[in-house]
Protein backbone atom coordinates (compact mmCIF):
# COMPACT_ATOMS: atom_id res chain seq x y z
CA UNK A 1 -86.57 -34.97 -44.27
CA UNK A 2 -83.10 -36.79 -45.14
CA UNK A 3 -82.46 -33.02 -45.42
CA UNK A 4 -83.07 -32.35 -41.80
CA UNK A 5 -81.14 -35.60 -40.78
CA UNK A 6 -77.88 -34.36 -42.95
CA UNK A 7 -78.06 -30.88 -41.34
CA UNK A 8 -78.42 -32.37 -37.99
CA UNK A 9 -75.69 -35.31 -38.25
CA UNK A 10 -73.46 -32.26 -39.55
CA UNK A 11 -74.21 -30.06 -36.38
CA UNK A 12 -73.75 -32.59 -34.65
CA UNK A 13 -70.61 -33.06 -36.49
CA UNK A 14 -69.24 -29.63 -35.73
CA UNK A 15 -69.97 -29.19 -31.57
CA UNK A 16 -68.06 -32.70 -31.14
CA UNK A 17 -64.74 -31.41 -33.26
CA UNK A 18 -65.16 -28.18 -30.92
CA UNK A 19 -65.46 -30.25 -27.74
CA UNK A 20 -62.05 -32.19 -28.70
CA UNK A 21 -60.53 -28.93 -30.09
CA UNK A 22 -61.30 -27.29 -26.60
CA UNK A 23 -60.73 -30.40 -24.24
CA UNK A 24 -56.84 -30.19 -26.42
CA UNK A 25 -56.53 -26.69 -25.53
CA UNK A 26 -57.71 -26.89 -21.98
CA UNK A 27 -54.84 -30.04 -21.76
CA UNK A 28 -51.92 -28.02 -23.38
CA UNK A 29 -53.01 -24.50 -21.01
CA UNK A 30 -53.04 -27.27 -17.86
CA UNK A 31 -49.52 -28.62 -19.01
CA UNK A 32 -47.95 -24.92 -19.94
CA UNK A 33 -50.00 -22.02 -18.08
CA UNK A 34 -47.95 -20.19 -15.16
CA UNK A 35 -50.22 -19.79 -12.52
CA UNK A 36 -49.60 -16.28 -10.72
CA UNK A 37 -48.31 -18.06 -7.91
CA UNK A 38 -45.90 -19.90 -9.92
CA UNK A 39 -45.26 -16.46 -11.39
CA UNK A 40 -43.79 -15.10 -8.14
CA UNK A 41 -42.23 -17.88 -7.22
CA UNK A 42 -39.79 -17.80 -10.53
CA UNK A 43 -39.15 -13.61 -9.67
CA UNK A 44 -38.23 -14.74 -6.41
CA UNK A 45 -35.89 -17.48 -6.98
CA UNK A 46 -34.39 -15.47 -10.02
CA UNK A 47 -33.96 -12.34 -7.80
CA UNK A 48 -31.88 -14.41 -4.73
CA UNK A 49 -30.08 -15.72 -7.05
CA UNK A 50 -28.51 -12.56 -8.65
CA UNK A 51 -28.45 -10.96 -4.76
CA UNK A 52 -26.13 -14.26 -4.15
CA UNK A 53 -23.70 -13.87 -7.09
CA UNK A 54 -23.82 -10.19 -6.30
CA UNK A 55 -22.32 -11.10 -3.01
CA UNK A 56 -20.22 -12.96 -4.26
CA UNK A 57 -18.16 -10.58 -6.45
CA UNK A 58 -18.23 -7.78 -3.86
CA UNK A 59 -16.70 -10.46 -1.46
CA UNK A 60 -13.91 -11.57 -3.74
CA UNK A 61 -13.33 -7.34 -5.03
CA UNK A 62 -13.02 -7.29 -1.12
CA UNK A 63 -11.09 -10.18 -0.57
CA UNK A 64 -8.10 -8.56 -2.65
CA UNK A 65 -7.71 -5.85 -0.22
CA UNK A 66 -9.36 -7.01 2.82
CA UNK A 67 -7.19 -6.92 6.23
CA UNK A 68 -8.36 -10.06 7.37
CA UNK A 69 -7.37 -11.84 4.41
CA UNK A 70 -4.06 -9.97 4.04
CA UNK A 71 -3.17 -10.78 7.49
CA UNK A 72 -2.82 -14.64 6.38
CA UNK A 73 0.58 -13.11 4.50
CA UNK A 74 1.81 -10.92 7.29
CA UNK A 75 4.29 -11.40 10.06
CA UNK A 76 3.80 -11.06 13.92
CA UNK A 77 3.04 -7.58 15.64
CA UNK A 78 6.33 -5.70 15.85
CA UNK A 79 6.80 -2.48 18.14
CA UNK A 80 8.02 0.49 16.32
CA UNK A 81 11.00 1.44 18.51
CA UNK A 82 12.18 4.92 17.06
CA UNK A 83 10.50 7.17 13.54
CA UNK A 84 13.64 7.95 11.97
CA UNK A 85 11.67 9.78 8.89
CA UNK A 86 9.24 9.81 7.05
CA UNK A 87 9.32 6.68 5.07
CA UNK A 88 12.05 4.92 7.43
CA UNK A 89 11.56 3.41 11.17
CA UNK A 90 13.42 1.12 13.32
CA UNK A 91 11.44 -1.94 15.04
CA UNK A 92 12.23 -4.38 17.64
CA UNK A 93 12.06 -7.65 15.05
CA UNK A 94 12.99 -11.34 15.73
CA UNK A 95 14.40 -9.91 19.33
CA UNK A 96 16.73 -7.13 18.16
CA UNK A 97 15.93 -3.77 16.55
CA UNK A 98 16.14 -3.90 12.56
CA UNK A 99 15.55 -0.55 10.16
CA UNK A 100 12.89 -0.52 8.11
CA UNK A 101 12.60 1.02 4.72
CA UNK A 102 9.00 1.37 3.85
CA UNK A 103 8.36 -0.03 0.25
CA UNK A 104 7.02 1.89 -3.01
CA UNK A 105 7.34 5.53 -1.02
CA UNK A 106 9.74 8.24 -0.80
CA UNK A 107 9.06 11.16 1.62
CA UNK A 108 11.38 14.66 0.97
CA UNK A 109 14.54 14.73 3.72
CA UNK A 110 14.97 15.91 6.51
CA UNK A 111 18.32 14.00 7.24
CA UNK A 112 20.16 13.78 4.50
CA UNK A 113 23.91 14.37 4.71
CA UNK A 114 24.27 16.49 1.86
CA UNK A 115 20.38 17.66 1.41
CA UNK A 116 18.85 20.39 3.07
CA UNK A 117 15.84 20.18 4.82
CA UNK A 118 13.17 19.82 1.83
CA UNK A 119 9.42 21.26 1.85
CA UNK A 120 6.83 18.62 3.90
CA UNK A 121 9.53 16.36 5.23
CA UNK A 122 9.08 17.40 8.53
CA UNK A 123 5.43 16.97 7.94
CA UNK A 124 6.03 13.87 7.04
CA UNK A 125 7.88 12.88 10.38
CA UNK A 126 5.61 14.37 12.14
CA UNK A 127 2.70 12.18 10.62
CA UNK A 128 4.91 9.12 11.03
CA UNK A 129 5.50 9.84 14.52
CA UNK A 130 1.77 10.42 15.15
CA UNK A 131 0.82 7.13 13.54
CA UNK A 132 3.44 4.42 14.26
CA UNK A 133 6.02 6.03 17.32
CA UNK A 134 5.44 3.37 20.35
CA UNK A 135 2.61 1.17 18.38
CA UNK A 136 2.33 -2.37 16.96
CA UNK A 137 2.53 -2.88 13.21
CA UNK A 138 2.61 -6.04 11.24
CA UNK A 139 5.39 -6.01 8.12
CA UNK A 140 4.60 -7.64 4.61
CA UNK A 141 7.38 -8.25 2.45
CA UNK A 142 7.02 -8.04 -1.11
CA UNK A 143 10.23 -9.36 -3.31
CA UNK A 144 13.58 -8.53 -2.31
CA UNK A 145 13.55 -8.74 2.13
CA UNK A 146 16.33 -6.24 2.74
CA UNK A 147 18.63 -3.30 0.74
CA UNK A 148 21.89 -3.41 -0.07
CA UNK A 149 22.12 -1.17 3.06
CA UNK A 150 20.42 -4.21 4.93
CA UNK A 151 17.35 -2.40 6.22
CA UNK A 152 14.26 -4.47 6.00
CA UNK A 153 11.75 -3.65 2.94
CA UNK A 154 8.15 -3.86 3.90
CA UNK A 155 4.85 -2.43 3.85
CA UNK A 156 3.48 -1.11 7.42
CA UNK A 157 0.64 -2.37 8.17
CA UNK A 158 -1.68 -0.60 11.39
CA UNK A 159 -5.47 -0.88 12.22
CA UNK A 160 -5.70 -2.93 8.87
CA UNK A 161 -4.14 -0.29 6.30
CA UNK A 162 -0.50 0.02 4.68
CA UNK A 163 1.05 3.18 6.19
CA UNK A 164 2.82 3.63 3.03
CA UNK A 165 -0.65 4.37 1.56
CA UNK A 166 -1.27 6.59 4.10
CA UNK A 167 1.74 8.85 3.05
CA UNK A 168 0.40 8.41 -0.45
CA UNK A 169 -3.16 9.78 0.27
CA UNK A 170 -1.91 12.77 2.91
CA UNK A 171 0.55 14.36 -0.21
CA UNK A 172 3.67 13.38 1.89
CA UNK A 173 5.24 11.01 -0.22
CA UNK A 174 5.93 10.19 -4.22
CA UNK A 175 5.27 6.56 -5.32
CA UNK A 176 9.10 5.13 -6.07
CA UNK A 177 11.72 2.61 -6.37
CA UNK A 178 9.87 0.19 -8.21
CA UNK A 179 12.72 -1.88 -8.69
CA UNK A 180 11.43 -5.32 -8.41
CA UNK A 181 7.30 -5.74 -9.74
CA UNK A 182 4.85 -6.99 -10.12
CA UNK A 183 4.36 -5.12 -6.67
CA UNK A 184 1.09 -6.30 -4.78
CA UNK A 185 -0.07 -2.95 -3.71
CA UNK A 186 1.29 -0.78 -6.80
CA UNK A 187 -1.84 -0.23 -8.19
CA UNK A 188 -3.69 0.80 -5.21
CA UNK A 189 -0.71 3.14 -4.33
CA UNK A 190 -0.75 4.43 -7.72
CA UNK A 191 -4.30 5.67 -7.41
CA UNK A 192 -3.62 7.16 -4.10
CA UNK A 193 -0.80 9.28 -5.34
CA UNK A 194 -3.30 10.04 -7.70
CA UNK A 195 -5.90 11.44 -5.68
CA UNK A 196 -3.54 13.66 -3.68
CA UNK A 197 -2.51 14.67 -6.95
CA UNK A 198 -5.85 15.67 -8.57
CA UNK A 199 -6.62 17.47 -5.42
CA UNK A 200 -2.90 19.00 -5.31
CA UNK A 201 -2.36 18.04 -1.54
CA UNK A 202 1.20 18.48 0.16
CA UNK A 203 4.11 17.76 -1.86
CA UNK A 204 1.81 18.39 -5.09
CA UNK A 205 0.70 21.59 -4.45
CA UNK A 206 4.19 22.87 -5.21
CA UNK A 207 4.59 22.86 -9.14
CA UNK A 208 7.67 21.30 -10.25
CA UNK A 209 8.07 19.79 -6.92
CA UNK A 210 8.11 16.34 -7.23
CA UNK A 211 10.31 14.66 -9.81
CA UNK A 212 11.28 11.22 -10.93
CA UNK A 213 14.64 11.41 -9.46
CA UNK A 214 12.93 12.63 -5.98
CA UNK A 215 12.38 16.35 -5.02
CA UNK A 216 13.25 19.58 -6.65
CA UNK A 217 12.76 23.20 -4.69
CA UNK A 218 14.48 26.19 -6.20
CA UNK A 219 16.19 26.90 -2.66
CA UNK A 220 17.87 23.21 -2.34
CA UNK A 221 20.53 23.76 -4.90
CA UNK A 222 22.09 26.82 -2.39
CA UNK A 223 21.05 25.15 0.89
CA UNK A 224 22.87 22.11 -0.22
CA UNK A 225 26.10 23.69 -0.84
CA UNK A 226 25.77 25.70 2.13
CA UNK A 227 25.07 22.85 4.37
CA UNK A 228 27.99 20.99 2.76
CA UNK A 229 30.57 23.38 3.47
CA UNK A 230 32.55 21.14 6.24
CA UNK A 231 33.69 23.13 9.45
CA UNK A 232 37.48 23.85 10.00
CA UNK A 233 37.79 21.28 12.56
CA UNK A 234 35.85 18.86 10.07
CA UNK A 235 37.85 19.69 7.35
CA UNK A 236 41.15 18.15 8.82
CA UNK A 237 39.25 14.83 9.38
CA UNK A 238 39.76 11.88 6.70
CA UNK A 239 36.01 10.56 5.85
CA UNK A 240 37.20 7.30 4.46
CA UNK A 241 33.86 5.96 2.77
CA UNK A 242 30.95 7.18 0.97
CA UNK A 243 28.29 7.56 3.60
CA UNK A 244 25.82 6.85 1.25
CA UNK A 245 27.41 3.68 0.26
CA UNK A 246 27.81 0.38 1.11
CA UNK A 247 27.18 -0.58 4.76
CA UNK A 248 30.68 -0.48 7.32
CA UNK A 249 30.90 -1.58 11.01
CA UNK A 250 33.29 -0.59 12.76
CA UNK A 251 35.75 -3.00 11.82
CA UNK A 252 36.25 -0.42 8.43
CA UNK A 253 37.53 2.08 10.38
CA UNK A 254 41.03 3.05 11.75
CA UNK A 255 40.43 5.14 14.32
CA UNK A 256 36.77 5.91 16.63
CA UNK A 257 37.49 9.64 15.25
CA UNK A 258 37.46 8.04 11.73
CA UNK A 259 34.18 6.59 12.45
CA UNK A 260 32.25 8.93 14.36
CA UNK A 261 33.34 11.55 11.14
CA UNK A 262 31.66 8.53 8.87
CA UNK A 263 28.76 8.35 11.26
CA UNK A 264 27.70 12.12 11.40
CA UNK A 265 28.27 12.19 7.67
CA UNK A 266 25.77 9.66 7.18
CA UNK A 267 23.32 11.60 9.20
CA UNK A 268 23.90 10.89 12.84
CA UNK A 269 22.93 11.13 15.74
CA UNK A 270 19.79 11.65 14.30
CA UNK A 271 19.96 8.84 11.52
CA UNK A 272 22.38 5.62 12.07
CA UNK A 273 21.84 3.85 8.99
CA UNK A 274 24.75 1.78 9.58
CA UNK A 275 24.46 1.00 12.98
CA UNK A 276 27.18 2.25 14.81
CA UNK A 277 26.11 3.64 17.38
CA UNK A 278 25.30 0.20 18.85
CA UNK A 279 22.35 -0.02 21.30
CA UNK A 280 23.20 2.66 23.91
CA UNK A 281 22.28 5.46 21.25
CA UNK A 282 24.60 7.67 23.10
CA UNK A 283 26.30 9.18 19.88
CA UNK A 284 29.79 8.14 20.36
CA UNK A 285 30.16 4.78 18.02
CA UNK A 286 32.51 2.53 17.89
CA UNK A 287 33.76 3.60 21.14
CA UNK A 288 36.54 0.33 21.07
CA UNK A 289 38.66 1.53 18.63
CA UNK A 290 41.58 4.09 19.38
């Protein structure tokens, strides 16, 4: 009988212990377990957070080159009154006509006083006229605002992109004149040039044509010498100053003929970097001189 009671008590003890352990497990499960609904909610929140972070990164990356953000640094709209060549234009700026030299790009020559027309020079000029002539653009300055010829140095923004980069993309210009780094758009321009170079577009289609100093074409030297030979009547005229030297005005010359010779040597009437022709652009300069 005593043995039966002992066994009975042992069984009851085991049952009570099992019940207590089971309750503890259920309590733990109720506290820590995640239901399917909670799991889906957590995944959704994590996904939304990830998407939010990705959108933020994309916006941050876009802000570096977004024209809407860039426009905060740009000046007022100005009109392109004349395309001189691929990398030089005239604009109406602050009530007067100014010459703008495009930053960081160099196109082949078309109107240089001592160099012949170089391959892709006319293409660059035609492209500039097609995109810019008579249109509104915005100027962005980056570093010194003017060069030694008193020309404005700027990026030209049109339709949300810079024309400077368009020239590089088209293989119509080389990246050049990096005088005052760092420049805002240098990296983007380098990538644009590399794309044109890798695809052998435009100036990059001629092996050895693009150099660190400019453009070299095997016929350039012979043509330049021929072009530089003055006509008989021109030889007698005195060229007082270097056409590529410092900026000159009519007061620097003793006579109208002297100024006219200098003007034509500097590229006139197609180009007038020294602005000797005034506003009438009749090809006759410094008409007040004797």
